[in-house]
Amino acid sequence: MLAIEIENGVLTPKKRAIPMPSAEQVLIKVEAAGVNRPDIMQRQGLYPSPPGASDIPGLEVAGTVQAVGDNIDHLNIGERVCALVTGGGYSEYCLASAALCLPIPEGLSFTQAAALPETFFTVWSNVFDRAKLQSGETLLVHGGGSGIGTTAIQLAKAFNAKIIVTAGSTTKCEFCLQLGADAAINYKEQDFVEAIKQLTDNKGVDVILDMIGGDYFPRNIKCMSDDARLVQIAIQMGPKAEINLLPVMLKRLTIIGSTLRARDDAFKTAIAKQLFENVWPLLESGNIKPVIHSTFALTDAALAHQLMESSRHIGKIILTV
């Protein structure tokens, strides 16, 4: 099979043997795979694969089941699925835990389905399961034009929350508003802390989903209402920040750290079940849909990474096989 390997920080097409599934796995013939920030970090040597995971990048795929493990009785050869994987997505064939395979929602293509697992698992787990966003509350998402951001906007609106996003251009802000955001702040032109104060009448927001880190951390604290929750899922501006702990105490704030890739299958399986029950009907009805910016051939994975690193995209970048 053709796969994309990382050689000294460069994505390189290589031939590899087709892997065989273990008793709890399936082999998927990949039709499309999502591109995510952790893939770039892995290429840069900053985010190694967890023990036992494939060294091939790629955390989400869509395709057809080609082989099933001995203990699998709920999936059959030929079924159309999308799956969250710990690696191996940038290839013609990929192993996946059978428990983390979900049926492709009715009406969605392989390309659209490949945009679902990483962002929908991440947003559901962190915003709804861990931070417990409730109807009527306000969610702030940094990076509203990203795959995570466009997913969070739609899910928050579907469950009757208000949503404010930050983004780095007028075009991205306008897109987020059209997608359903209640307000969009261009962080290059406005101080988002002051903007949040004005938008919330100095109350602050209830939940923050942050991928930036660095000096955003103390600024996020200033944006939070009493009993608010901050979920830190990435640190694009670095892992260190200096903060005043007093408002954390006085406002009874909750700080939640999270990474998804290294969590065990039991944790991810619980998320998969919640998504199938609560979100898959919204996808099949067309109430929400993945936002896809562009697609690249598998052999052009390096160009896909260049686009993601430029931050010019809105929504997901997908590799097609």
Protein backbone atom coordinates (compact mmCIF):
# COMPACT_ATOMS: atom_id res chain seq x y z
CA MET A 1 0.00 0.00 0.00
CA LEU A 2 1.00 3.64 -0.40
CA ALA A 3 1.59 5.50 2.86
CA ILE A 4 3.05 8.85 3.86
CA GLU A 5 6.05 8.54 6.15
CA ILE A 6 7.92 11.24 8.05
CA GLU A 7 11.60 11.38 7.13
CA ASN A 8 13.61 14.10 8.87
CA GLY A 9 10.56 16.33 9.11
CA VAL A 10 9.46 15.74 5.51
CA LEU A 11 6.33 13.90 4.38
CA THR A 12 7.40 11.23 1.91
CA PRO A 13 5.26 8.69 -0.01
CA LYS A 14 6.45 5.12 0.59
CA LYS A 15 5.28 1.58 -0.12
CA ARG A 16 4.35 -0.51 2.91
CA ALA A 17 2.74 -3.88 3.59
CA ILE A 18 -0.99 -3.81 4.30
CA PRO A 19 -1.43 -4.32 8.07
CA MET A 20 -3.62 -7.06 9.52
CA PRO A 21 -6.24 -6.31 12.20
CA SER A 22 -5.99 -7.68 15.72
CA ALA A 23 -8.99 -9.34 17.35
CA GLU A 24 -10.54 -5.96 18.30
CA GLN A 25 -9.67 -4.04 15.14
CA VAL A 26 -10.86 -3.60 11.58
CA LEU A 27 -8.90 -2.79 8.45
CA ILE A 28 -10.29 0.18 6.55
CA LYS A 29 -9.67 0.86 2.86
CA VAL A 30 -9.17 4.60 3.19
CA GLU A 31 -11.02 6.92 0.81
CA ALA A 32 -10.27 10.14 2.67
CA ALA A 33 -8.31 11.27 5.74
CA GLY A 34 -8.42 14.45 7.78
CA VAL A 35 -5.43 16.74 8.33
CA ASN A 36 -5.01 18.10 11.86
CA ARG A 37 -2.59 20.28 13.83
CA PRO A 38 -1.21 17.27 15.77
CA ASP A 39 -0.08 15.83 12.41
CA ILE A 40 2.06 18.91 11.87
CA MET A 41 3.46 18.65 15.38
CA GLN A 42 4.28 15.00 14.77
CA ARG A 43 6.08 15.90 11.54
CA GLN A 44 8.07 18.50 13.45
CA GLY A 45 9.07 15.95 16.08
CA LEU A 46 7.01 17.62 18.82
CA TYR A 47 4.20 15.04 19.20
CA PRO A 48 5.40 11.43 18.91
CA SER A 49 2.98 8.58 18.35
CA PRO A 50 1.70 6.91 21.55
CA PRO A 51 3.17 3.47 22.34
CA GLY A 52 1.78 0.87 19.97
CA ALA A 53 0.38 3.39 17.48
CA SER A 54 1.39 3.62 13.83
CA ASP A 55 4.23 6.01 13.03
CA ILE A 56 2.27 7.11 9.95
CA PRO A 57 0.47 10.43 10.65
CA GLY A 58 -3.28 10.82 10.41
CA LEU A 59 -5.89 10.70 13.20
CA GLU A 60 -9.15 10.28 11.28
CA VAL A 61 -10.26 8.37 8.21
CA ALA A 62 -13.32 7.42 6.20
CA GLY A 63 -13.63 4.41 3.94
CA THR A 64 -14.92 0.85 3.72
CA VAL A 65 -14.24 -2.08 6.02
CA GLN A 66 -11.93 -4.59 4.29
CA ALA A 67 -11.21 -7.06 7.10
CA VAL A 68 -12.46 -7.59 10.66
CA GLY A 69 -10.81 -9.01 13.76
CA ASP A 70 -11.88 -12.30 15.28
CA ASN A 71 -13.84 -10.67 18.12
CA ILE A 72 -15.82 -8.26 15.95
CA ASP A 73 -19.44 -9.07 15.18
CA HIS A 74 -21.04 -5.64 14.70
CA LEU A 75 -19.15 -4.60 11.56
CA ASN A 76 -19.07 -6.33 8.20
CA ILE A 77 -16.80 -6.17 5.18
CA GLY A 78 -17.97 -3.47 2.81
CA GLU A 79 -19.55 -1.18 5.43
CA ARG A 80 -18.93 2.56 5.04
CA VAL A 81 -17.40 3.96 8.22
CA CYS A 82 -15.42 6.84 9.62
CA ALA A 83 -13.04 6.28 12.49
CA LEU A 84 -10.88 8.02 15.06
CA VAL A 85 -7.42 6.45 14.99
CA THR A 86 -4.19 6.98 16.94
CA GLY A 87 -2.17 7.13 13.71
CA GLY A 88 -1.95 5.62 10.26
CA GLY A 89 -4.53 7.75 8.48
CA TYR A 90 -2.24 9.00 5.70
CA SER A 91 -2.31 5.69 3.83
CA GLU A 92 -4.38 3.53 1.51
CA TYR A 93 -5.27 1.14 4.34
CA CYS A 94 -5.56 1.90 8.05
CA LEU A 95 -6.22 -0.13 11.20
CA ALA A 96 -8.89 1.17 13.57
CA SER A 97 -10.39 0.02 16.81
CA ALA A 98 -13.80 -1.39 15.89
CA ALA A 99 -15.33 0.44 18.85
CA LEU A 100 -14.23 3.78 17.39
CA CYS A 101 -15.79 3.23 13.97
CA LEU A 102 -19.04 5.06 13.32
CA PRO A 103 -21.33 4.66 10.32
CA ILE A 104 -21.05 7.43 7.78
CA PRO A 105 -24.13 9.63 8.29
CA GLU A 106 -26.71 9.29 5.54
CA GLY A 107 -26.07 11.75 2.73
CA LEU A 108 -22.43 12.45 3.54
CA SER A 109 -19.55 11.61 1.22
CA PHE A 110 -16.32 9.93 2.27
CA THR A 111 -14.63 13.32 2.11
CA GLN A 112 -17.19 14.88 4.43
CA ALA A 113 -17.11 11.90 6.79
CA ALA A 114 -13.31 12.09 7.11
CA ALA A 115 -13.78 15.58 8.57
CA LEU A 116 -15.87 14.30 11.48
CA PRO A 117 -13.99 12.13 13.99
CA GLU A 118 -11.15 14.27 15.35
CA THR A 119 -13.07 17.53 15.67
CA PHE A 120 -16.41 16.09 16.77
CA PHE A 121 -14.83 13.77 19.36
CA THR A 122 -12.74 16.70 20.64
CA VAL A 123 -15.55 19.25 20.84
CA TRP A 124 -18.11 16.88 22.33
CA SER A 125 -15.71 15.48 24.92
CA ASN A 126 -14.37 18.83 26.06
CA VAL A 127 -17.24 21.28 25.67
CA PHE A 128 -20.24 19.12 26.51
CA ASP A 129 -18.89 16.19 28.55
CA ARG A 130 -16.11 17.76 30.62
CA ALA A 131 -17.01 21.49 30.66
CA LYS A 132 -20.74 20.69 30.68
CA LEU A 133 -21.93 23.54 28.50
CA GLN A 134 -25.64 24.10 29.15
CA SER A 135 -28.46 25.60 27.14
CA GLY A 136 -28.41 29.39 27.51
CA GLU A 137 -24.75 29.56 28.52
CA THR A 138 -22.09 31.38 26.49
CA LEU A 139 -19.15 29.59 24.90
CA LEU A 140 -15.98 31.38 23.73
CA VAL A 141 -13.90 29.56 21.11
CA HIS A 142 -10.50 30.79 20.05
CA GLY A 143 -9.79 29.94 16.41
CA GLY A 144 -13.37 30.08 15.19
CA GLY A 145 -12.35 29.42 11.58
CA SER A 146 -10.56 26.16 12.36
CA GLY A 147 -12.01 22.69 12.07
CA ILE A 148 -12.54 22.68 15.83
CA GLY A 149 -14.04 26.16 15.71
CA THR A 150 -16.52 25.52 12.90
CA THR A 151 -17.62 22.33 14.66
CA ALA A 152 -18.01 24.05 18.02
CA ILE A 153 -20.11 26.84 16.52
CA GLN A 154 -22.60 24.41 15.03
CA LEU A 155 -22.83 22.10 18.03
CA ALA A 156 -23.20 24.97 20.52
CA LYS A 157 -26.02 26.47 18.45
CA ALA A 158 -27.70 23.08 18.02
CA PHE A 159 -27.85 22.73 21.80
CA ASN A 160 -29.10 26.29 22.35
CA ALA A 161 -25.96 27.92 23.70
CA LYS A 162 -24.61 31.31 22.70
CA ILE A 163 -21.22 31.38 21.03
CA ILE A 164 -18.51 34.00 20.64
CA VAL A 165 -15.41 33.29 18.57
CA THR A 166 -12.09 34.93 17.88
CA ALA A 167 -10.53 34.75 14.42
CA GLY A 168 -7.68 36.41 12.56
CA SER A 169 -9.42 38.05 9.60
CA THR A 170 -12.60 39.80 8.59
CA THR A 171 -13.37 36.97 6.17
CA LYS A 172 -13.12 34.36 8.91
CA CYS A 173 -15.22 36.43 11.29
CA GLU A 174 -17.94 36.88 8.68
CA PHE A 175 -17.93 33.15 7.90
CA CYS A 176 -18.30 32.30 11.60
CA LEU A 177 -21.27 34.65 11.90
CA GLN A 178 -22.93 33.08 8.87
CA LEU A 179 -22.34 29.64 10.38
CA GLY A 180 -24.19 30.62 13.55
CA ALA A 181 -21.82 32.44 15.90
CA ASP A 182 -23.50 35.22 17.87
CA ALA A 183 -20.37 37.38 17.76
CA ALA A 184 -16.95 37.20 16.14
CA ILE A 185 -13.91 39.15 17.31
CA ASN A 186 -10.99 39.87 14.99
CA TYR A 187 -8.15 39.46 17.47
CA LYS A 188 -5.76 41.34 15.17
CA GLU A 189 -7.92 44.45 15.38
CA GLN A 190 -9.57 44.19 18.81
CA ASP A 191 -8.56 43.28 22.35
CA PHE A 192 -10.74 40.22 22.85
CA VAL A 193 -10.83 40.76 26.63
CA GLU A 194 -12.41 44.20 26.24
CA ALA A 195 -14.71 42.92 23.49
CA ILE A 196 -15.95 40.09 25.73
CA LYS A 197 -16.68 42.57 28.53
CA GLN A 198 -18.80 44.65 26.17
CA LEU A 199 -20.58 41.68 24.61
CA THR A 200 -21.49 40.16 27.98
CA ASP A 201 -22.18 43.38 29.95
CA ASN A 202 -19.10 42.63 32.08
CA LYS A 203 -20.47 39.23 33.11
CA GLY A 204 -18.01 37.12 31.11
CA VAL A 205 -18.47 33.78 29.39
CA ASP A 206 -19.34 30.42 30.93
CA VAL A 207 -17.03 28.12 28.95
CA ILE A 208 -13.84 28.76 26.96
CA LEU A 209 -12.34 26.30 24.46
CA ASP A 210 -8.74 27.36 23.88
CA MET A 211 -6.13 25.98 21.49
CA ILE A 212 -3.70 28.89 21.84
CA GLY A 213 -2.21 28.85 25.33
CA GLY A 214 0.69 31.15 26.15
CA ASP A 215 -0.40 34.66 27.08
CA TYR A 216 -4.01 33.82 26.20
CA PHE A 217 -4.27 32.00 29.53
CA PRO A 218 -4.32 35.03 31.86
CA ARG A 219 -6.48 36.90 29.36
CA ASN A 220 -8.96 34.03 29.34
CA ILE A 221 -9.22 34.27 33.13
CA LYS A 222 -10.34 37.89 32.72
CA CYS A 223 -13.07 36.78 30.28
CA MET A 224 -14.64 34.19 32.59
CA SER A 225 -17.82 34.60 34.60
CA ASP A 226 -18.38 33.19 38.07
CA ASP A 227 -18.17 29.37 38.03
CA ALA A 228 -16.88 29.38 34.44
CA ARG A 229 -14.83 26.57 32.91
CA LEU A 230 -11.72 26.86 30.72
CA VAL A 231 -10.71 23.86 28.61
CA GLN A 232 -7.13 23.92 27.30
CA ILE A 233 -6.76 21.52 24.35
CA ALA A 234 -3.61 22.83 22.65
CA ILE A 235 -0.81 25.35 23.18
CA GLN A 236 0.02 26.91 19.83
CA MET A 237 1.63 29.91 21.58
CA GLY A 238 3.52 27.86 24.11
CA PRO A 239 2.97 26.04 27.43
CA LYS A 240 3.91 28.79 29.88
CA ALA A 241 1.94 31.72 31.28
CA GLU A 242 1.94 33.92 34.37
CA ILE A 243 -1.44 34.34 36.01
CA ASN A 244 -3.07 35.92 39.03
CA LEU A 245 -4.66 33.10 41.04
CA LEU A 246 -6.91 35.41 43.04
CA PRO A 247 -9.71 35.65 40.40
CA VAL A 248 -9.52 31.87 39.96
CA MET A 249 -10.40 31.57 43.64
CA LEU A 250 -12.87 34.44 43.89
CA LYS A 251 -14.81 33.44 40.77
CA ARG A 252 -14.64 29.69 41.57
CA LEU A 253 -13.15 28.93 38.15
CA THR A 254 -12.45 25.45 36.81
CA ILE A 255 -9.38 24.85 34.62
CA ILE A 256 -9.50 21.66 32.54
CA GLY A 257 -6.56 20.26 30.59
CA SER A 258 -7.13 17.75 27.85
CA THR A 259 -5.49 15.71 25.12
CA LEU A 260 -7.43 13.07 23.22
CA ARG A 261 -4.94 10.97 21.28
CA ALA A 262 -3.38 9.14 24.23
CA ARG A 263 -6.69 8.34 25.99
CA ASP A 264 -7.65 4.67 26.03
CA ASP A 265 -10.29 3.08 23.85
CA ALA A 266 -12.78 2.82 26.72
CA PHE A 267 -12.79 6.61 27.12
CA LYS A 268 -13.09 7.21 23.37
CA THR A 269 -15.78 4.53 23.00
CA ALA A 270 -17.97 6.39 25.49
CA ILE A 271 -17.61 9.55 23.40
CA ALA A 272 -18.42 7.61 20.21
CA LYS A 273 -21.67 6.37 21.74
CA GLN A 274 -22.67 9.87 22.82
CA LEU A 275 -21.93 11.24 19.36
CA PHE A 276 -23.97 8.53 17.67
CA GLU A 277 -26.93 9.21 19.96
CA ASN A 278 -26.80 13.01 20.12
CA VAL A 279 -24.96 14.33 17.05
CA TRP A 280 -25.31 11.80 14.23
CA PRO A 281 -29.07 12.57 13.90
CA LEU A 282 -28.18 16.26 13.44
CA LEU A 283 -25.72 15.35 10.67
CA GLU A 284 -28.21 13.11 8.91
CA SER A 285 -30.91 15.78 9.07
CA GLY A 286 -28.54 18.39 7.65
CA ASN A 287 -28.85 20.65 10.69
CA ILE A 288 -25.09 20.59 11.02
CA LYS A 289 -22.40 19.63 8.53
CA PRO A 290 -18.62 19.53 8.36
CA VAL A 291 -16.98 22.60 6.85
CA ILE A 292 -14.33 21.61 4.30
CA HIS A 293 -11.94 24.18 2.91
CA SER A 294 -10.02 22.08 0.41
CA THR A 295 -8.88 18.60 -0.54
CA PHE A 296 -5.48 17.27 -1.63
CA ALA A 297 -4.38 13.96 -3.08
CA LEU A 298 -2.66 11.71 -0.55
CA THR A 299 0.66 12.20 -2.35
CA ASP A 300 0.26 15.98 -1.89
CA ALA A 301 0.10 15.74 1.91
CA ALA A 302 3.03 18.15 2.19
CA LEU A 303 1.01 20.82 0.37
CA ALA A 304 -1.89 20.21 2.76
CA HIS A 305 0.45 20.82 5.69
CA GLN A 306 1.71 24.03 4.11
CA LEU A 307 -1.86 25.29 3.84
CA MET A 308 -2.66 24.42 7.45
CA GLU A 309 0.50 26.09 8.70
CA SER A 310 -0.42 29.25 6.77
CA SER A 311 -3.75 29.45 8.65
CA ARG A 312 -5.47 30.70 5.50
CA HIS A 313 -8.05 27.93 5.60
CA ILE A 314 -11.53 27.92 7.12
CA GLY A 315 -12.69 24.52 8.33
CA LYS A 316 -11.09 21.20 7.47
CA ILE A 317 -8.38 20.11 5.05
CA ILE A 318 -8.83 16.58 3.67
CA LEU A 319 -6.59 14.12 1.86
CA THR A 320 -8.27 11.92 -0.74
CA VAL A 321 -6.95 8.48 -1.65
